[in-house]
Amino acid sequence: MSRVCELTGKKAMVGNNVSHSLRRTKRKFNANLMKKRFYIPEEDKWITLKVSTSALKNINKLGISAVLKKARLKGFLKK
């Protein structure tokens, strides 16, 4: 599985490690992802998603149904 948030589409970014002598080497900034189970009362089932912590904050604020609807509109989720 890839390191991509299933609700927001966040993924790894590329940047530089900068040493004290200002030498630059490539590095990766991975998204802060967690595997979580959510209960969807409308469909009466549990789903497991790999989501970023910012997506978790959106779920707490808006609710899982609204966030899933928005993710489907943007094309991040199938169904």
C-alpha atoms as a PDB file:
ATOM      1  CA  MET A   1       0.000   0.000   0.000  1.00  0.00           C
ATOM      2  CA  SER A   2       1.155   3.480  -0.757  1.00  0.00           C
ATOM      3  CA  ARG A   3       1.624   6.251   1.786  1.00  0.00           C
ATOM      4  CA  VAL A   4      -1.316   8.347   0.643  1.00  0.00           C
ATOM      5  CA  CYS A   5      -4.271   9.588   2.697  1.00  0.00           C
ATOM      6  CA  GLU A   6      -7.452   8.017   1.319  1.00  0.00           C
ATOM      7  CA  LEU A   7      -9.612  11.034   2.208  1.00  0.00           C
ATOM      8  CA  THR A   8      -7.453  14.067   1.415  1.00  0.00           C
ATOM      9  CA  GLY A   9      -4.907  12.672  -1.061  1.00  0.00           C
ATOM     10  CA  LYS A  10      -1.941  13.881   0.992  1.00  0.00           C
ATOM     11  CA  LYS A  11       1.302  12.109   0.140  1.00  0.00           C
ATOM     12  CA  ALA A  12       5.053  12.389   0.631  1.00  0.00           C
ATOM     13  CA  MET A  13       6.878  15.587  -0.341  1.00  0.00           C
ATOM     14  CA  VAL A  14      10.522  15.888  -1.387  1.00  0.00           C
ATOM     15  CA  GLY A  15      12.959  18.320   0.173  1.00  0.00           C
ATOM     16  CA  ASN A  16      16.522  18.692   1.407  1.00  0.00           C
ATOM     17  CA  ASN A  17      18.430  17.789   4.538  1.00  0.00           C
ATOM     18  CA  VAL A  18      20.625  20.798   5.229  1.00  0.00           C
ATOM     19  CA  SER A  19      23.729  20.155   7.307  1.00  0.00           C
ATOM     20  CA  HIS A  20      25.624  22.667   9.424  1.00  0.00           C
ATOM     21  CA  SER A  21      27.971  23.282   6.484  1.00  0.00           C
ATOM     22  CA  LEU A  22      24.865  23.892   4.282  1.00  0.00           C
ATOM     23  CA  ARG A  23      25.361  20.728   2.201  1.00  0.00           C
ATOM     24  CA  ARG A  24      22.049  19.591   0.778  1.00  0.00           C
ATOM     25  CA  THR A  25      20.967  15.981   0.338  1.00  0.00           C
ATOM     26  CA  LYS A  26      17.555  14.784  -0.771  1.00  0.00           C
ATOM     27  CA  ARG A  27      15.019  13.583   1.796  1.00  0.00           C
ATOM     28  CA  LYS A  28      11.337  12.734   2.015  1.00  0.00           C
ATOM     29  CA  PHE A  29       8.656  14.331   4.174  1.00  0.00           C
ATOM     30  CA  ASN A  30       6.086  11.548   4.677  1.00  0.00           C
ATOM     31  CA  ALA A  31       2.473  12.300   5.519  1.00  0.00           C
ATOM     32  CA  ASN A  32       1.408  11.588   9.102  1.00  0.00           C
ATOM     33  CA  LEU A  33      -0.838   8.586   8.360  1.00  0.00           C
ATOM     34  CA  MET A  34      -2.808   6.278  10.649  1.00  0.00           C
ATOM     35  CA  LYS A  35      -4.924   3.236   9.955  1.00  0.00           C
ATOM     36  CA  LYS A  36      -8.345   3.795  11.567  1.00  0.00           C
ATOM     37  CA  ARG A  37     -11.733   2.048  11.634  1.00  0.00           C
ATOM     38  CA  PHE A  38     -14.852   4.166  11.265  1.00  0.00           C
ATOM     39  CA  TYR A  39     -18.512   3.264  11.741  1.00  0.00           C
ATOM     40  CA  ILE A  40     -20.887   4.617   9.113  1.00  0.00           C
ATOM     41  CA  PRO A  41     -24.412   4.670  10.553  1.00  0.00           C
ATOM     42  CA  GLU A  42     -26.143   5.326   7.187  1.00  0.00           C
ATOM     43  CA  GLU A  43     -24.718   2.120   5.701  1.00  0.00           C
ATOM     44  CA  ASP A  44     -24.602   0.300   9.081  1.00  0.00           C
ATOM     45  CA  LYS A  45     -21.034  -0.948   8.572  1.00  0.00           C
ATOM     46  CA  TRP A  46     -17.417  -0.440   9.613  1.00  0.00           C
ATOM     47  CA  ILE A  47     -14.702   0.649   7.164  1.00  0.00           C
ATOM     48  CA  THR A  48     -10.933   0.815   7.592  1.00  0.00           C
ATOM     49  CA  LEU A  49      -9.131   3.787   6.083  1.00  0.00           C
ATOM     50  CA  LYS A  50      -5.552   5.020   5.999  1.00  0.00           C
ATOM     51  CA  VAL A  51      -6.000   8.700   6.895  1.00  0.00           C
ATOM     52  CA  SER A  52      -3.773  11.637   7.787  1.00  0.00           C
ATOM     53  CA  THR A  53      -4.108  13.285  11.178  1.00  0.00           C
ATOM     54  CA  SER A  54      -5.481  16.423   9.529  1.00  0.00           C
ATOM     55  CA  ALA A  55      -8.224  14.275   7.976  1.00  0.00           C
ATOM     56  CA  LEU A  56      -8.990  12.924  11.470  1.00  0.00           C
ATOM     57  CA  LYS A  57      -9.475  16.497  12.673  1.00  0.00           C
ATOM     58  CA  ASN A  58     -11.876  17.097   9.769  1.00  0.00           C
ATOM     59  CA  ILE A  59     -13.794  13.933  10.664  1.00  0.00           C
ATOM     60  CA  ASN A  60     -14.116  15.079  14.274  1.00  0.00           C
ATOM     61  CA  LYS A  61     -15.301  18.495  13.114  1.00  0.00           C
ATOM     62  CA  LEU A  62     -17.625  17.639  10.192  1.00  0.00           C
ATOM     63  CA  GLY A  63     -18.487  13.962  10.732  1.00  0.00           C
ATOM     64  CA  ILE A  64     -17.445  10.874   8.811  1.00  0.00           C
ATOM     65  CA  SER A  65     -20.392  10.996   6.374  1.00  0.00           C
ATOM     66  CA  ALA A  66     -19.658  14.547   5.201  1.00  0.00           C
ATOM     67  CA  VAL A  67     -15.927  13.866   4.794  1.00  0.00           C
ATOM     68  CA  LEU A  68     -16.570  10.647   2.831  1.00  0.00           C
ATOM     69  CA  LYS A  69     -19.000  12.488   0.552  1.00  0.00           C
ATOM     70  CA  LYS A  70     -16.436  15.219  -0.146  1.00  0.00           C
ATOM     71  CA  ALA A  71     -13.675  12.631  -0.802  1.00  0.00           C
ATOM     72  CA  ARG A  72     -15.898  10.787  -3.296  1.00  0.00           C
ATOM     73  CA  LEU A  73     -16.630  14.051  -5.132  1.00  0.00           C
ATOM     74  CA  LYS A  74     -12.901  14.810  -5.414  1.00  0.00           C
ATOM     75  CA  GLY A  75     -12.200  11.251  -6.615  1.00  0.00           C
ATOM     76  CA  PHE A  76     -10.094   9.994  -3.706  1.00  0.00           C
ATOM     77  CA  LEU A  77     -12.562   7.212  -2.801  1.00  0.00           C
ATOM     78  CA  LYS A  78     -14.345   4.768  -5.053  1.00  0.00           C
ATOM     79  CA  LYS A  79     -18.063   3.863  -4.790  1.00  0.00           C
END
